[in-house]
N, C-alpha and C. Protein backbone atom coordinates (compact mmCIF):
# COMPACT_ATOMS: atom_id res chain seq x y z
N MET A 1 32.77 12.06 -26.67
CA MET A 1 32.28 11.37 -25.50
C MET A 1 33.42 11.85 -24.53
N ALA A 2 33.21 12.64 -23.27
CA ALA A 2 34.00 12.84 -22.44
C ALA A 2 34.51 11.94 -21.48
N GLY A 3 35.65 11.68 -21.21
CA GLY A 3 36.33 10.53 -20.15
C GLY A 3 36.05 10.86 -18.64
N PHE A 4 35.69 9.85 -18.19
CA PHE A 4 35.98 9.86 -16.66
C PHE A 4 37.19 10.06 -15.86
N ARG A 5 37.07 11.10 -15.20
CA ARG A 5 38.32 11.07 -14.03
C ARG A 5 38.61 10.24 -13.10
N LEU A 6 39.55 9.26 -13.25
CA LEU A 6 39.83 8.27 -12.18
C LEU A 6 41.30 8.86 -11.48
N LEU A 7 41.70 8.66 -10.24
CA LEU A 7 42.72 8.68 -9.33
C LEU A 7 43.38 7.77 -8.64
N LEU A 8 44.16 7.12 -9.02
CA LEU A 8 44.82 6.16 -8.09
C LEU A 8 45.72 6.50 -7.06
N ALA A 9 45.46 5.99 -5.68
CA ALA A 9 46.60 6.18 -4.77
C ALA A 9 47.42 5.07 -4.56
N ASP A 10 48.45 5.20 -4.88
CA ASP A 10 49.67 3.69 -4.56
C ASP A 10 51.04 4.28 -5.09
N ASP A 11 51.52 3.73 -3.96
CA ASP A 11 53.02 4.23 -4.11
C ASP A 11 53.89 3.06 -5.07
N ASP A 12 53.13 2.63 -5.53
CA ASP A 12 53.90 1.41 -6.23
C ASP A 12 54.10 1.52 -7.72
N GLU A 13 54.66 2.61 -8.32
CA GLU A 13 54.67 3.30 -9.70
C GLU A 13 54.42 2.10 -10.78
N ASP A 14 54.94 0.37 -10.58
CA ASP A 14 54.45 -0.63 -11.76
C ASP A 14 53.12 -0.67 -11.77
N ASP A 15 52.14 -0.96 -10.49
CA ASP A 15 50.57 -0.40 -10.62
C ASP A 15 50.25 0.29 -11.23
N PHE A 16 50.80 1.57 -11.34
CA PHE A 16 50.37 2.66 -12.16
C PHE A 16 50.36 2.48 -13.54
N PHE A 17 51.07 2.31 -14.10
CA PHE A 17 52.18 1.85 -14.94
C PHE A 17 50.75 0.63 -15.90
N ILE A 18 50.64 -0.29 -14.93
CA ILE A 18 50.17 -1.65 -15.54
C ILE A 18 48.54 -1.09 -15.70
N ILE A 19 47.59 -0.63 -14.86
CA ILE A 19 46.11 0.08 -14.61
C ILE A 19 46.16 1.02 -15.65
N ARG A 20 47.57 2.12 -16.47
CA ARG A 20 47.02 3.02 -17.37
C ARG A 20 47.26 2.38 -18.76
N GLN A 21 48.09 1.26 -18.57
CA GLN A 21 48.15 0.38 -19.96
C GLN A 21 46.98 -0.38 -20.41
N ALA A 22 46.07 -0.75 -19.01
CA ALA A 22 45.08 -1.85 -19.18
C ALA A 22 43.98 -0.70 -19.89
N PHE A 23 43.71 0.50 -19.22
CA PHE A 23 43.12 1.32 -19.58
C PHE A 23 42.76 1.72 -20.83
N GLU A 24 43.94 2.07 -21.37
CA GLU A 24 44.36 2.18 -22.89
C GLU A 24 44.46 1.05 -23.86
N GLU A 25 44.16 0.11 -23.02
CA GLU A 25 43.77 -0.95 -24.24
C GLU A 25 42.46 -1.09 -24.26
N LEU A 26 41.95 -0.69 -23.62
CA LEU A 26 40.17 -0.78 -23.13
C LEU A 26 39.88 -0.01 -24.23
N GLY A 27 40.38 0.98 -24.27
CA GLY A 27 40.14 2.30 -25.49
C GLY A 27 38.92 3.49 -25.24
N ARG A 28 38.91 3.26 -23.88
CA ARG A 28 38.03 4.45 -23.30
C ARG A 28 38.63 5.85 -23.08
N PRO A 29 38.22 7.05 -23.52
CA PRO A 29 39.02 7.95 -23.10
C PRO A 29 38.50 8.51 -21.45
N TYR A 30 39.61 7.69 -20.67
CA TYR A 30 39.68 7.67 -19.48
C TYR A 30 40.88 8.87 -18.92
N ASP A 31 40.82 9.48 -17.77
CA ASP A 31 41.74 10.45 -17.74
C ASP A 31 42.27 9.99 -16.22
N LEU A 32 43.34 9.03 -16.46
CA LEU A 32 43.70 8.34 -14.86
C LEU A 32 45.06 9.02 -14.25
N GLN A 33 44.98 9.87 -13.39
CA GLN A 33 45.71 10.63 -12.33
C GLN A 33 46.77 9.65 -11.27
N HIS A 34 47.41 9.89 -10.88
CA HIS A 34 48.43 9.28 -9.87
C HIS A 34 48.98 9.96 -8.51
N VAL A 35 48.78 9.50 -7.42
CA VAL A 35 49.41 10.06 -6.06
C VAL A 35 49.93 8.58 -5.40
N ARG A 36 51.00 9.46 -4.76
CA ARG A 36 51.79 8.14 -4.12
C ARG A 36 51.54 7.74 -2.93
N ASP A 37 50.77 8.69 -2.17
CA ASP A 37 50.32 8.21 -0.72
C ASP A 37 49.34 9.14 -0.07
N GLY A 38 49.16 8.56 0.82
CA GLY A 38 47.61 9.72 1.39
C GLY A 38 47.35 10.80 1.36
N LYS A 39 48.53 11.31 1.49
CA LYS A 39 48.66 12.61 2.05
C LYS A 39 48.75 13.60 0.41
N GLU A 40 49.22 12.99 -0.46
CA GLU A 40 49.00 13.10 -1.94
C GLU A 40 47.63 13.27 -2.12
N LEU A 41 47.41 12.41 -1.96
CA LEU A 41 45.66 11.73 -2.04
C LEU A 41 44.36 13.23 -1.59
N LEU A 42 44.94 13.42 -0.57
CA LEU A 42 44.00 14.49 0.13
C LEU A 42 44.43 15.86 -0.11
N ASP A 43 45.46 16.10 -0.96
CA ASP A 43 45.96 17.38 -1.18
C ASP A 43 45.29 17.63 -2.35
N TYR A 44 45.18 16.55 -3.43
CA TYR A 44 45.08 16.45 -4.67
C TYR A 44 43.57 16.67 -4.45
N LEU A 45 42.83 15.92 -3.64
CA LEU A 45 41.33 16.50 -3.41
C LEU A 45 41.01 17.68 -3.59
N SER A 46 41.45 18.04 -1.98
CA SER A 46 41.43 19.33 -1.47
C SER A 46 41.52 20.58 -2.72
N ALA A 47 42.73 20.42 -3.44
CA ALA A 47 42.86 21.57 -4.35
C ALA A 47 42.04 21.00 -5.31
N ASN A 48 41.49 20.28 -5.85
CA ASN A 48 40.49 20.16 -6.97
C ASN A 48 38.57 20.16 -6.64
N SER A 49 38.54 19.88 -4.95
CA SER A 49 37.40 20.40 -5.09
C SER A 49 36.67 21.89 -4.84
N GLY A 50 37.54 22.85 -5.11
CA GLY A 50 36.58 24.15 -4.91
C GLY A 50 35.75 24.48 -6.51
N ALA A 51 35.81 25.54 -6.28
CA ALA A 51 34.72 25.86 -7.75
C ALA A 51 35.54 26.16 -8.87
N GLY A 52 34.99 25.55 -9.89
CA GLY A 52 35.23 25.18 -11.29
C GLY A 52 36.21 24.10 -11.39
N ARG A 53 36.65 23.66 -10.30
CA ARG A 53 37.58 22.22 -10.70
C ARG A 53 36.47 21.10 -10.21
N GLN A 54 37.30 20.18 -10.67
CA GLN A 54 36.59 18.54 -10.98
C GLN A 54 37.02 17.32 -10.44
N ILE A 55 36.43 17.40 -9.03
CA ILE A 55 37.19 15.93 -8.13
C ILE A 55 37.03 14.86 -9.25
N PRO A 56 37.58 13.66 -8.98
CA PRO A 56 37.27 12.45 -9.71
C PRO A 56 36.26 11.54 -9.65
N ASP A 57 36.00 11.06 -10.66
CA ASP A 57 34.64 9.72 -10.35
C ASP A 57 34.86 9.02 -9.85
N LEU A 58 35.80 8.36 -9.69
CA LEU A 58 36.35 7.33 -8.80
C LEU A 58 37.89 7.31 -8.55
N ILE A 59 37.94 6.86 -6.98
CA ILE A 59 39.26 6.82 -6.52
C ILE A 59 39.72 5.01 -6.82
N LEU A 60 41.00 5.07 -6.48
CA LEU A 60 41.50 3.88 -6.42
C LEU A 60 42.32 3.88 -5.37
N LEU A 61 42.04 2.94 -4.67
CA LEU A 61 43.10 3.24 -3.00
C LEU A 61 43.75 2.23 -2.64
N ASP A 62 44.80 2.61 -2.37
CA ASP A 62 45.44 1.34 -1.95
C ASP A 62 45.98 1.26 -0.26
N ILE A 63 45.69 0.14 0.29
CA ILE A 63 45.80 0.35 1.74
C ILE A 63 47.27 0.73 2.03
N ASN A 64 48.14 0.20 1.85
CA ASN A 64 49.59 0.31 2.75
C ASN A 64 50.61 1.22 1.68
N MET A 65 50.26 2.72 1.92
CA MET A 65 51.09 3.49 1.65
C MET A 65 51.65 4.41 2.81
N PRO A 66 52.92 4.99 2.30
CA PRO A 66 53.63 6.08 3.03
C PRO A 66 52.77 7.56 3.90
N LEU A 67 53.17 7.69 4.85
CA LEU A 67 52.67 9.02 5.46
C LEU A 67 51.14 8.83 5.84
N ILE A 68 50.43 8.87 5.12
CA ILE A 68 48.86 8.39 5.48
C ILE A 68 48.47 7.45 4.76
N ASN A 69 48.29 6.44 5.51
CA ASN A 69 47.20 4.97 5.06
C ASN A 69 45.92 4.71 4.25
N GLY A 70 45.61 3.91 3.39
CA GLY A 70 44.40 4.07 3.10
C GLY A 70 43.30 3.77 3.85
N PHE A 71 43.35 3.50 4.90
CA PHE A 71 42.23 3.53 5.81
C PHE A 71 42.14 5.13 6.52
N GLN A 72 43.35 6.06 6.60
CA GLN A 72 43.19 6.86 7.59
C GLN A 72 42.60 7.73 6.42
N ALA A 73 43.08 7.97 5.16
CA ALA A 73 42.51 8.37 3.95
C ALA A 73 41.16 8.24 3.75
N LEU A 74 40.64 6.88 3.59
CA LEU A 74 39.20 6.89 3.29
C LEU A 74 38.37 7.54 4.28
N GLU A 75 38.80 7.08 5.61
CA GLU A 75 38.17 7.85 6.89
C GLU A 75 37.96 9.32 6.94
N ILE A 76 39.04 9.87 6.24
CA ILE A 76 38.99 11.65 5.86
C ILE A 76 38.07 11.76 4.48
N ILE A 77 38.18 11.31 3.85
CA ILE A 77 37.37 10.85 2.28
C ILE A 77 35.86 11.20 3.00
N ARG A 78 35.41 10.23 3.54
CA ARG A 78 34.21 10.17 3.90
C ARG A 78 33.80 11.06 5.18
N LYS A 79 34.61 11.92 5.54
CA LYS A 79 34.03 13.06 6.58
C LYS A 79 34.00 14.33 5.90
N THR A 80 34.39 14.56 4.81
CA THR A 80 35.08 15.49 4.01
C THR A 80 33.96 15.76 2.32
N GLU A 81 32.58 16.60 3.08
CA GLU A 81 31.61 16.80 2.34
C GLU A 81 31.77 16.56 0.98
N ALA A 82 32.93 18.09 0.66
CA ALA A 82 32.95 18.33 -0.46
C ALA A 82 33.29 16.76 -1.88
N TYR A 83 34.09 15.55 -1.10
CA TYR A 83 34.58 14.69 -1.64
C TYR A 83 33.89 13.51 -0.99
N ALA A 84 32.65 13.33 -0.40
CA ALA A 84 32.32 12.02 0.88
C ALA A 84 31.65 11.25 0.05
N GLN A 85 30.70 11.46 -1.46
CA GLN A 85 30.41 10.71 -2.20
C GLN A 85 30.96 10.17 -3.72
N VAL A 86 32.34 10.42 -3.63
CA VAL A 86 33.11 9.84 -4.56
C VAL A 86 33.29 8.42 -4.48
N PRO A 87 33.09 7.67 -5.27
CA PRO A 87 33.18 6.07 -4.85
C PRO A 87 34.24 5.96 -4.92
N VAL A 88 35.14 5.26 -3.94
CA VAL A 88 36.21 4.70 -3.32
C VAL A 88 36.19 3.11 -3.74
N PHE A 89 37.46 2.52 -4.44
CA PHE A 89 37.57 1.21 -4.84
C PHE A 89 38.87 0.92 -4.19
N ILE A 90 39.29 -0.10 -3.11
CA ILE A 90 40.30 -0.07 -2.71
C ILE A 90 40.95 -1.27 -3.50
N TYR A 91 41.87 -1.11 -3.79
CA TYR A 91 43.06 -2.28 -4.36
C TYR A 91 44.19 -2.00 -4.13
N THR A 92 44.15 -3.32 -3.27
CA THR A 92 45.67 -3.59 -2.34
C THR A 92 45.97 -5.12 -2.68
N THR A 93 47.09 -5.31 -1.70
CA THR A 93 47.68 -6.73 -1.72
C THR A 93 46.93 -7.37 -0.87
N SER A 94 46.52 -7.15 -0.08
CA SER A 94 45.59 -7.29 1.28
C SER A 94 44.82 -8.80 0.97
N ILE A 95 44.87 -9.71 1.58
CA ILE A 95 43.74 -10.81 1.63
C ILE A 95 43.21 -11.01 2.95
N ASP A 96 43.87 -10.11 3.91
CA ASP A 96 43.05 -10.00 5.28
C ASP A 96 41.40 -9.69 5.49
N HIS A 97 40.87 -10.58 5.85
CA HIS A 97 39.16 -10.31 5.90
C HIS A 97 39.22 -8.93 6.81
N GLU A 98 39.97 -9.27 8.06
CA GLU A 98 39.76 -7.80 8.78
C GLU A 98 39.79 -6.59 7.92
N GLU A 99 40.73 -6.80 7.33
CA GLU A 99 41.20 -5.34 6.62
C GLU A 99 39.81 -5.13 5.53
N LYS A 100 39.42 -5.85 5.01
CA LYS A 100 38.40 -5.80 4.35
C LYS A 100 37.32 -5.33 4.58
N ARG A 101 36.92 -5.88 5.96
CA ARG A 101 35.98 -5.61 6.87
C ARG A 101 35.71 -3.95 7.36
N ARG A 102 37.22 -3.43 7.83
CA ARG A 102 37.43 -2.21 8.15
C ARG A 102 37.33 -1.32 7.35
N CYS A 103 37.51 -1.52 5.60
CA CYS A 103 37.73 -0.59 4.90
C CYS A 103 36.15 -0.65 4.73
N MET A 104 35.31 -1.31 4.48
CA MET A 104 33.85 -1.47 3.97
C MET A 104 33.13 -0.67 5.26
N GLU A 105 33.51 -1.25 6.23
CA GLU A 105 32.69 -0.07 7.46
C GLU A 105 33.15 1.64 7.84
N LEU A 106 34.36 1.87 6.99
CA LEU A 106 34.85 3.10 6.91
C LEU A 106 34.32 3.76 5.27
N GLY A 107 33.51 3.15 4.71
CA GLY A 107 32.90 3.40 3.74
C GLY A 107 33.29 3.04 1.99
N ALA A 108 34.45 2.14 1.78
CA ALA A 108 34.52 1.83 0.45
C ALA A 108 33.72 1.32 -0.21
N ASN A 109 33.58 1.18 -1.15
CA ASN A 109 32.34 0.72 -2.16
C ASN A 109 32.51 -0.66 -2.70
N ALA A 110 34.27 -1.11 -2.68
CA ALA A 110 34.10 -2.01 -2.94
C ALA A 110 35.60 -2.40 -2.64
N PHE A 111 36.40 -3.79 -2.62
CA PHE A 111 37.48 -4.24 -1.97
C PHE A 111 37.83 -4.77 -3.19
N PHE A 112 39.14 -4.78 -3.70
CA PHE A 112 40.00 -5.71 -5.02
C PHE A 112 41.34 -6.37 -4.14
N THR A 113 41.42 -7.39 -4.43
CA THR A 113 43.16 -7.68 -4.27
C THR A 113 43.97 -7.83 -5.58
N LYS A 114 45.05 -7.09 -5.42
CA LYS A 114 45.45 -6.65 -6.80
C LYS A 114 45.81 -8.15 -7.44
N ALA A 115 45.36 -7.80 -8.62
CA ALA A 115 45.38 -9.14 -9.67
C ALA A 115 46.95 -9.68 -10.10
N TYR A 116 47.46 -10.75 -10.14
CA TYR A 116 48.66 -11.04 -10.32
C TYR A 116 48.86 -11.29 -11.75
N THR A 117 48.26 -11.19 -12.80
CA THR A 117 48.17 -11.20 -14.42
C THR A 117 47.69 -10.46 -14.83
N TYR A 118 48.33 -10.33 -16.42
CA TYR A 118 47.84 -9.11 -16.74
C TYR A 118 46.39 -8.85 -17.69
N LYS A 119 45.92 -10.15 -17.46
CA LYS A 119 44.14 -10.72 -17.95
C LYS A 119 43.56 -10.26 -16.76
N LYS A 120 44.01 -10.71 -15.37
CA LYS A 120 43.08 -10.36 -14.56
C LYS A 120 43.25 -8.84 -13.97
N VAL A 121 43.93 -7.67 -14.40
CA VAL A 121 43.95 -6.49 -14.35
C VAL A 121 43.05 -6.32 -15.58
N LEU A 122 42.82 -6.47 -16.95
CA LEU A 122 42.14 -6.05 -17.72
C LEU A 122 40.89 -6.42 -17.70
N ALA A 123 40.74 -7.44 -16.57
CA ALA A 123 38.93 -7.43 -15.87
C ALA A 123 38.78 -6.57 -14.91
N PHE A 124 39.42 -6.73 -14.48
CA PHE A 124 39.28 -5.32 -13.25
C PHE A 124 39.10 -3.87 -13.35
N VAL A 125 40.05 -3.48 -14.89
CA VAL A 125 39.70 -2.37 -15.53
C VAL A 125 38.22 -2.08 -16.34
N ALA A 126 37.50 -3.47 -16.79
CA ALA A 126 36.40 -3.49 -17.33
C ALA A 126 35.29 -3.51 -16.33
N ASP A 127 35.85 -3.98 -14.98
CA ASP A 127 34.73 -3.98 -13.89
C ASP A 127 34.41 -2.24 -13.81
N ILE A 128 35.55 -1.47 -13.68
CA ILE A 128 35.69 0.26 -13.53
C ILE A 128 34.94 0.44 -14.37
N ASP A 129 34.68 -0.18 -15.98
CA ASP A 129 34.28 0.71 -16.74
C ASP A 129 33.24 0.46 -16.76
N LEU A 130 32.28 -0.91 -16.22
CA LEU A 130 31.21 -1.03 -16.14
C LEU A 130 30.20 -0.30 -15.05
N PHE A 131 30.92 -0.40 -13.97
CA PHE A 131 30.49 0.49 -12.74
C PHE A 131 30.61 1.95 -13.26
N LEU A 132 31.14 2.63 -13.70
CA LEU A 132 31.50 4.18 -14.46
C LEU A 132 30.54 4.20 -15.34
N ASN A 133 30.18 3.54 -16.11
CA ASN A 133 29.05 3.24 -17.21
C ASN A 133 27.34 3.23 -16.89
N TYR A 134 27.66 1.92 -16.19
CA TYR A 134 26.29 1.91 -15.27
C TYR A 134 26.51 1.63 -13.62
N PRO A 135 26.60 3.12 -13.12
CA PRO A 135 26.73 3.25 -11.79
C PRO A 135 25.39 2.50 -10.82
N TYR A 136 24.59 1.38 -11.28
CA TYR A 136 23.98 0.85 -10.42
C TYR A 136 24.13 -0.48 -10.29
N ARG A 137 25.35 -0.80 -11.24
CA ARG A 137 25.65 -2.26 -11.12
C ARG A 137 27.03 -2.06 -10.69
N MET A 138 27.37 -3.12 -9.09
CA MET A 138 28.16 -2.45 -8.37
C MET A 138 29.07 -4.03 -8.91
N PRO A 139 30.31 -3.51 -9.52
CA PRO A 139 31.32 -5.08 -9.52
C PRO A 139 31.40 -5.78 -8.53
N GLN A 140 31.69 -6.78 -8.87
CA GLN A 140 32.17 -7.94 -7.88
C GLN A 140 34.00 -8.25 -7.66
N PRO A 141 33.73 -8.45 -6.93
CA PRO A 141 35.57 -8.18 -7.02
C PRO A 141 35.99 -10.07 -7.67
N LYS A 142 36.71 -10.06 -8.73
CA LYS A 142 36.96 -11.02 -9.41
C LYS A 142 38.31 -11.26 -9.25
N THR A 143 39.27 -10.43 -9.08
CA THR A 143 40.54 -10.82 -8.64
C THR A 143 40.84 -11.29 -7.53
N THR A 144 41.91 -12.18 -7.21
CA THR A 144 42.43 -13.03 -6.54
C THR A 144 43.72 -12.83 -6.20
N THR A 145 44.34 -13.49 -5.64
CA THR A 145 46.06 -13.84 -5.50
C THR A 145 46.17 -14.96 -5.78
N SER A 146 45.51 -15.69 -6.21
CA SER A 146 46.07 -16.87 -6.80
C SER A 146 46.42 -16.70 -7.96
N LYS A 147 48.02 -17.19 -8.64
CA LYS A 147 48.76 -16.89 -9.82
C LYS A 147 48.17 -17.97 -10.81
N GLN A 148 46.66 -17.96 -10.87
CA GLN A 148 46.34 -18.75 -11.75
C GLN A 148 46.56 -18.16 -13.20
């Protein structure tokens, strides 16, 4: 079985390490790539959208990044025909309802607040796995900012 291609756009290396570890624990053959800011994200998409190239099956996007933030990157993604249909899940520390509203208006498919426990990261990764294998089932955010 071929794995899905995922792209995490986040300037926090620890978040990438934890999410990669959770996907490995899930035991599925995912190809998880990482970029550190919105500019790298857009460069990656541009470089991988040509003939014979493969764009990601899902983008995990942080809002607060240097150079080009998540809002700006999301807006450009949705306006670029070559990758406008790629699902984008916001994965951020923000709990601001206005930021969530803005992300959804810009075309995000889901908005998740980063988990504070590894158990919640595993649940988040399981939601992603469910979405990719059954795309008609949009995951419902379970991660919260509480430290339960």
